[in-house]
Each structure stands twice: as C-alpha cells, then as structure tokens.
Amino acid sequence: MRLKTEEIISGGYLVGGPNVTQADDAAVYLIDFAGDLVMIDSGAGRSSSQIVRNIEMLGLNPSKISHLILTHCHIDHIGAVPFFRERYGTKVLIHELDAQAIETGDTIKMAANWYDTTFPPTKVDQKLKGVHEILKFGNEELHCLHIPGHTPGSISVYLDRGGKRILFGQDIHGPFNKAFGSDTVAWKKSMQALLALEADILCEGHFGIYRSKNNVKDYIERYIEEYE
C-alpha cells in the first residue's frame, strides 16, 4: 500500500520514494523556501509525473523547483534529473567527485546496471566542492556536507528550521561496492561528522524518517557497529 506525501516539518515534505511513488525510487524530499522550491534527489526516473502530481497536491508549483540537489550519483536518486532539468529549467547540483558519472552516463558508477536501465549523459549545473558548502535561500541556509564512503562524492544536506535540525542523510547505511568507489574508512569518519550535527530528524534514503536526537544517533551508530 502506498503512503501519501508527508510533511516532515513546516514546508518540508516527502514527495517520492518506495512507498510513495515507485518501488525502485529512493526517497525524494522537497523544501519550500517561501515559494522557491528545492528538491533533494529525484527517484529512479519512472515516476516523474507522480512526483509532479504529489507536489501539486501539496498546493505547490513544480515549475518553482529552482534547485535539485543530488546526494550522490546512483540511478535510484538521480533518474528523473533530465525530466526536471528540461521541463522546468531546474538547476542540478552534485558534488564534483560524483558529477562525472552523470555527465558521461556511466551505468556502472551509477549502479544503473543494477536496475537494468541506462541514463543519458546530462549536464550538471553546479559542482559542489570541498567539505561544506552553504546555499542561501532567502534568510535561510541549506548546508551541503561532503560525506564520502558510499560513493566518493556522497553528501548529506541539513537545514535548521523551527528550532529543529533536519538531516537529509540518503544512503548513509551503504551499501559498499568497489565499482562505486566505496571507502568504508572514509565512511566511518563521515558518520562521526553526522553524529556531531546532533540532528533532531533524519530523512533517510530507503528506510524512512527518524525523529528525535536519540533515534537519529541510534540509527547511525547501529550501522557503524555493523561495519566494525
């Protein structure tokens, strides 16, 4: 049974994912910055129209999606990039270490071969660099934190709103594969950086939304222990 869209915080929504759109979609999140919309990941590509409908059902205009931030280059997170970029002129952002896979359509680095699909080489509009970049939308800041491990260019995104810190930590659980350029040593350091954020809410890529500092901490630490 599919779930409906979910409001995570005021102006922050789950609009796609395995229980919302298609089974092969990673979670898709949307943040409303006073009418300027930012989407985090885009699903595997087969549910673009469903994501659009879900956004419209929230009373929001998909043409206002100014930025699409990709947490890494895997197909279940980036498949609908061409759709949103071409239809709405949405600006695509990803860390520079994962950008080449998208721009060349590298099916191995994207894990597209796992999903028996392909991806057209697609231009990236902004390549995030370094450990921490801050994007400003109105009076708010959206933080992009480089967390290598699952892939070399994996990032997490976090936002402070309404007295809460919301962490969009897609695929912090792995998996790890040589073909992805995975690095478990780097990943463990990345997880320590996420723990230091003391987030109140974790929006994960495949396993749901975790509320309260303790639940977020327990989730991350459980995976650290699993890979000891």
Protein backbone atom coordinates (compact mmCIF):
# COMPACT_ATOMS: atom_id res chain seq x y z
CA MET A 1 0.00 0.00 0.00
CA ARG A 2 1.39 3.38 -0.98
CA LEU A 3 1.62 6.17 1.53
CA LYS A 4 0.66 9.75 0.85
CA THR A 5 3.12 12.59 0.86
CA GLU A 6 4.25 13.52 4.34
CA GLU A 7 5.02 16.90 5.87
CA ILE A 8 8.18 16.38 7.91
CA ILE A 9 8.49 19.93 9.17
CA SER A 10 6.75 23.14 8.17
CA GLY A 11 7.48 23.46 4.46
CA GLY A 12 9.48 20.23 4.27
CA TYR A 13 7.95 17.20 2.56
CA LEU A 14 8.47 13.62 1.46
CA VAL A 15 7.13 13.58 -2.12
CA GLY A 16 8.55 10.35 -3.53
CA GLY A 17 10.05 7.03 -2.53
CA PRO A 18 9.41 3.29 -2.49
CA ASN A 19 6.15 3.61 -0.53
CA VAL A 20 5.02 6.85 -2.16
CA THR A 21 5.75 6.57 -5.90
CA GLN A 22 7.62 3.57 -7.38
CA ALA A 23 9.38 0.69 -5.63
CA ASP A 24 12.71 1.49 -7.30
CA ASP A 25 12.73 5.13 -6.12
CA ALA A 26 14.90 6.28 -3.28
CA ALA A 27 13.22 8.92 -1.13
CA VAL A 28 12.56 12.31 -2.73
CA TYR A 29 12.30 15.33 -0.45
CA LEU A 30 11.08 18.87 -1.14
CA ILE A 31 11.77 22.05 0.83
CA ASP A 32 9.69 25.19 0.35
CA PHE A 33 11.67 28.39 0.86
CA ALA A 34 8.82 30.91 0.66
CA GLY A 35 7.79 29.71 -2.79
CA ASP A 36 11.30 28.86 -4.01
CA LEU A 37 11.36 25.05 -4.07
CA VAL A 38 14.41 22.85 -3.59
CA MET A 39 14.24 19.11 -4.25
CA ILE A 40 16.64 16.59 -2.77
CA ASP A 41 17.11 13.62 -5.12
CA SER A 42 14.63 12.70 -7.83
CA GLY A 43 13.89 8.98 -7.76
CA ALA A 44 14.85 6.41 -10.40
CA GLY A 45 13.16 8.21 -13.29
CA ARG A 46 9.99 6.22 -13.93
CA SER A 47 7.82 8.22 -11.55
CA SER A 48 8.50 11.81 -12.63
CA SER A 49 4.83 12.53 -13.33
CA GLN A 50 3.79 11.06 -9.98
CA ILE A 51 6.27 13.28 -8.16
CA VAL A 52 4.89 16.29 -10.02
CA ARG A 53 1.33 15.34 -9.06
CA ASN A 54 2.33 14.91 -5.43
CA ILE A 55 3.88 18.36 -5.40
CA GLU A 56 0.79 19.87 -6.99
CA MET A 57 -1.42 18.12 -4.42
CA LEU A 58 0.50 19.98 -1.73
CA GLY A 59 -0.60 23.21 -3.39
CA LEU A 60 2.88 23.91 -4.71
CA ASN A 61 4.02 24.67 -8.26
CA PRO A 62 6.64 22.26 -9.67
CA SER A 63 7.87 24.97 -12.03
CA LYS A 64 9.22 26.72 -8.93
CA ILE A 65 11.75 23.93 -8.28
CA SER A 66 14.85 26.07 -8.73
CA HIS A 67 17.41 23.56 -7.46
CA LEU A 68 17.70 19.78 -7.47
CA ILE A 69 20.40 18.65 -5.05
CA LEU A 70 21.69 15.13 -5.60
CA THR A 71 23.10 13.30 -2.61
CA HIS A 72 25.13 11.00 -4.87
CA CYS A 73 25.15 9.63 -8.41
CA HIS A 74 23.15 6.39 -8.10
CA ILE A 75 20.27 5.92 -10.50
CA ASP A 76 17.56 5.46 -7.85
CA HIS A 77 18.38 9.00 -6.70
CA ILE A 78 19.08 10.76 -10.00
CA GLY A 79 16.95 9.07 -12.66
CA ALA A 80 14.49 11.95 -13.11
CA VAL A 81 17.19 14.63 -13.42
CA PRO A 82 16.75 15.05 -17.21
CA PHE A 83 12.99 15.41 -16.79
CA PHE A 84 13.14 18.20 -14.20
CA ARG A 85 16.05 19.97 -15.86
CA GLU A 86 14.41 20.01 -19.30
CA ARG A 87 10.81 20.69 -18.26
CA TYR A 88 11.36 23.27 -15.52
CA GLY A 89 14.90 24.52 -16.05
CA THR A 90 15.80 23.17 -12.62
CA LYS A 91 19.45 23.70 -11.69
CA VAL A 92 21.21 20.39 -10.92
CA LEU A 93 23.79 20.23 -8.12
CA ILE A 94 26.04 17.36 -7.07
CA HIS A 95 29.48 17.03 -5.51
CA GLU A 96 32.27 17.27 -8.07
CA LEU A 97 33.52 13.76 -7.22
CA ASP A 98 30.23 12.21 -8.42
CA ALA A 99 29.48 14.64 -11.25
CA GLN A 100 31.40 12.83 -13.98
CA ALA A 101 29.20 9.73 -13.75
CA ILE A 102 26.12 11.83 -14.55
CA GLU A 103 27.76 13.84 -17.28
CA THR A 104 29.07 10.72 -19.04
CA GLY A 105 26.13 8.40 -18.31
CA ASP A 106 28.39 5.87 -16.55
CA THR A 107 25.98 2.99 -15.88
CA ILE A 108 28.45 1.19 -13.57
CA LYS A 109 29.22 4.16 -11.31
CA MET A 110 25.50 4.99 -11.28
CA ALA A 111 24.50 1.41 -10.49
CA ALA A 112 22.08 1.74 -13.41
CA ASN A 113 23.02 -1.80 -14.42
CA TRP A 114 21.54 -2.99 -11.11
CA TYR A 115 18.20 -1.58 -12.25
CA ASP A 116 18.51 -2.78 -15.84
CA THR A 117 18.34 0.76 -17.17
CA THR A 118 20.52 3.49 -18.65
CA PHE A 119 20.88 7.24 -18.16
CA PRO A 120 21.57 9.87 -20.84
CA PRO A 121 24.69 11.97 -20.24
CA THR A 122 23.31 15.08 -18.54
CA LYS A 123 24.94 18.39 -17.70
CA VAL A 124 25.50 19.28 -14.06
CA ASP A 125 24.88 22.99 -13.40
CA GLN A 126 26.82 23.34 -10.17
CA LYS A 127 29.51 21.08 -8.76
CA LEU A 128 29.80 21.23 -5.00
CA LYS A 129 33.36 21.30 -3.75
CA GLY A 130 35.17 20.70 -0.52
CA VAL A 131 33.75 19.55 2.79
CA HIS A 132 30.95 22.04 3.43
CA GLU A 133 29.03 24.40 1.16
CA ILE A 134 26.19 26.64 2.25
CA LEU A 135 23.38 27.56 -0.13
CA LYS A 136 21.25 30.56 0.81
CA PHE A 137 17.54 30.77 0.10
CA GLY A 138 16.02 33.96 1.43
CA ASN A 139 17.01 34.23 5.09
CA GLU A 140 17.70 30.50 5.44
CA GLU A 141 20.76 28.38 4.83
CA LEU A 142 20.88 24.89 3.39
CA HIS A 143 24.08 23.07 4.29
CA CYS A 144 25.70 20.53 1.96
CA LEU A 145 28.18 18.33 3.81
CA HIS A 146 30.57 16.02 1.94
CA ILE A 147 30.36 12.52 3.44
CA PRO A 148 32.48 10.19 1.25
CA GLY A 149 32.07 6.47 1.77
CA HIS A 150 29.12 5.05 -0.12
CA THR A 151 30.44 6.92 -3.17
CA PRO A 152 33.35 9.37 -3.37
CA GLY A 153 31.01 12.34 -3.82
CA SER A 154 28.22 11.46 -1.39
CA ILE A 155 26.76 14.39 0.53
CA SER A 156 24.20 14.94 3.25
CA VAL A 157 22.07 18.06 3.41
CA TYR A 158 20.83 19.71 6.58
CA LEU A 159 18.54 22.58 7.47
CA ASP A 160 17.74 24.33 10.74
CA ARG A 161 14.09 25.32 10.84
CA GLY A 162 11.54 25.79 13.60
CA GLY A 163 14.07 25.02 16.31
CA LYS A 164 14.88 21.63 14.74
CA ARG A 165 17.84 20.37 12.73
CA ILE A 166 16.69 18.22 9.82
CA LEU A 167 19.30 15.96 8.23
CA PHE A 168 18.70 14.54 4.76
CA GLY A 169 21.12 11.63 5.01
CA GLN A 170 20.43 9.48 1.98
CA ASP A 171 22.09 6.03 1.91
CA ILE A 172 24.30 6.61 4.94
CA HIS A 173 23.80 2.89 5.54
CA GLY A 174 25.70 1.93 2.36
CA PRO A 175 25.94 -0.48 0.63
CA PHE A 176 29.63 -0.51 -0.23
CA ASN A 177 30.93 -1.78 -3.52
CA LYS A 178 34.27 -1.49 -5.30
CA ALA A 179 32.50 -0.50 -8.52
CA PHE A 180 31.02 2.54 -6.72
CA GLY A 181 34.41 3.68 -5.41
CA SER A 182 33.19 2.94 -1.88
CA ASP A 183 35.53 3.53 1.06
CA THR A 184 34.46 2.25 4.49
CA VAL A 185 37.33 4.01 6.28
CA ALA A 186 36.22 7.37 4.87
CA TRP A 187 32.61 6.43 5.59
CA LYS A 188 33.26 5.91 9.30
CA LYS A 189 34.77 9.39 9.52
CA SER A 190 31.75 10.74 7.65
CA MET A 191 29.39 9.13 10.14
CA GLN A 192 31.22 10.78 13.02
CA ALA A 193 30.70 14.12 11.28
CA LEU A 194 26.97 13.39 11.03
CA LEU A 195 26.75 12.39 14.68
CA ALA A 196 28.38 15.70 15.61
CA LEU A 197 25.48 17.55 13.98
CA GLU A 198 23.09 16.21 16.67
CA ALA A 199 20.19 16.29 14.23
CA ASP A 200 16.63 16.13 15.55
CA ILE A 201 15.22 14.45 12.43
CA LEU A 202 16.89 12.11 9.94
CA CYS A 203 15.35 11.74 6.49
CA GLU A 204 16.93 8.57 5.12
CA GLY A 205 17.02 7.37 1.54
CA HIS A 206 15.33 3.99 1.87
CA PHE A 207 14.36 3.29 5.47
CA GLY A 208 12.17 6.19 6.49
CA ILE A 209 12.19 9.22 8.74
CA TYR A 210 13.65 9.09 12.25
CA ARG A 211 12.55 11.63 14.81
CA SER A 212 14.37 12.71 17.99
CA LYS A 213 18.08 13.13 18.59
CA ASN A 214 18.31 9.71 20.25
CA ASN A 215 16.67 7.86 17.37
CA VAL A 216 18.92 9.59 14.83
CA LYS A 217 22.00 8.81 16.90
CA ASP A 218 20.95 5.18 17.37
CA TYR A 219 20.35 4.73 13.64
CA ILE A 220 23.79 5.98 12.65
CA GLU A 221 25.62 4.16 15.43
CA ARG A 222 23.91 0.88 14.55
CA TYR A 223 25.49 0.95 11.10
CA ILE A 224 28.88 1.99 12.44
CA GLU A 225 28.81 -1.07 14.73
CA GLU A 226 27.70 -3.30 11.85
CA TYR A 227 30.82 -2.44 9.86
CA GLU A 228 33.31 -2.63 12.74
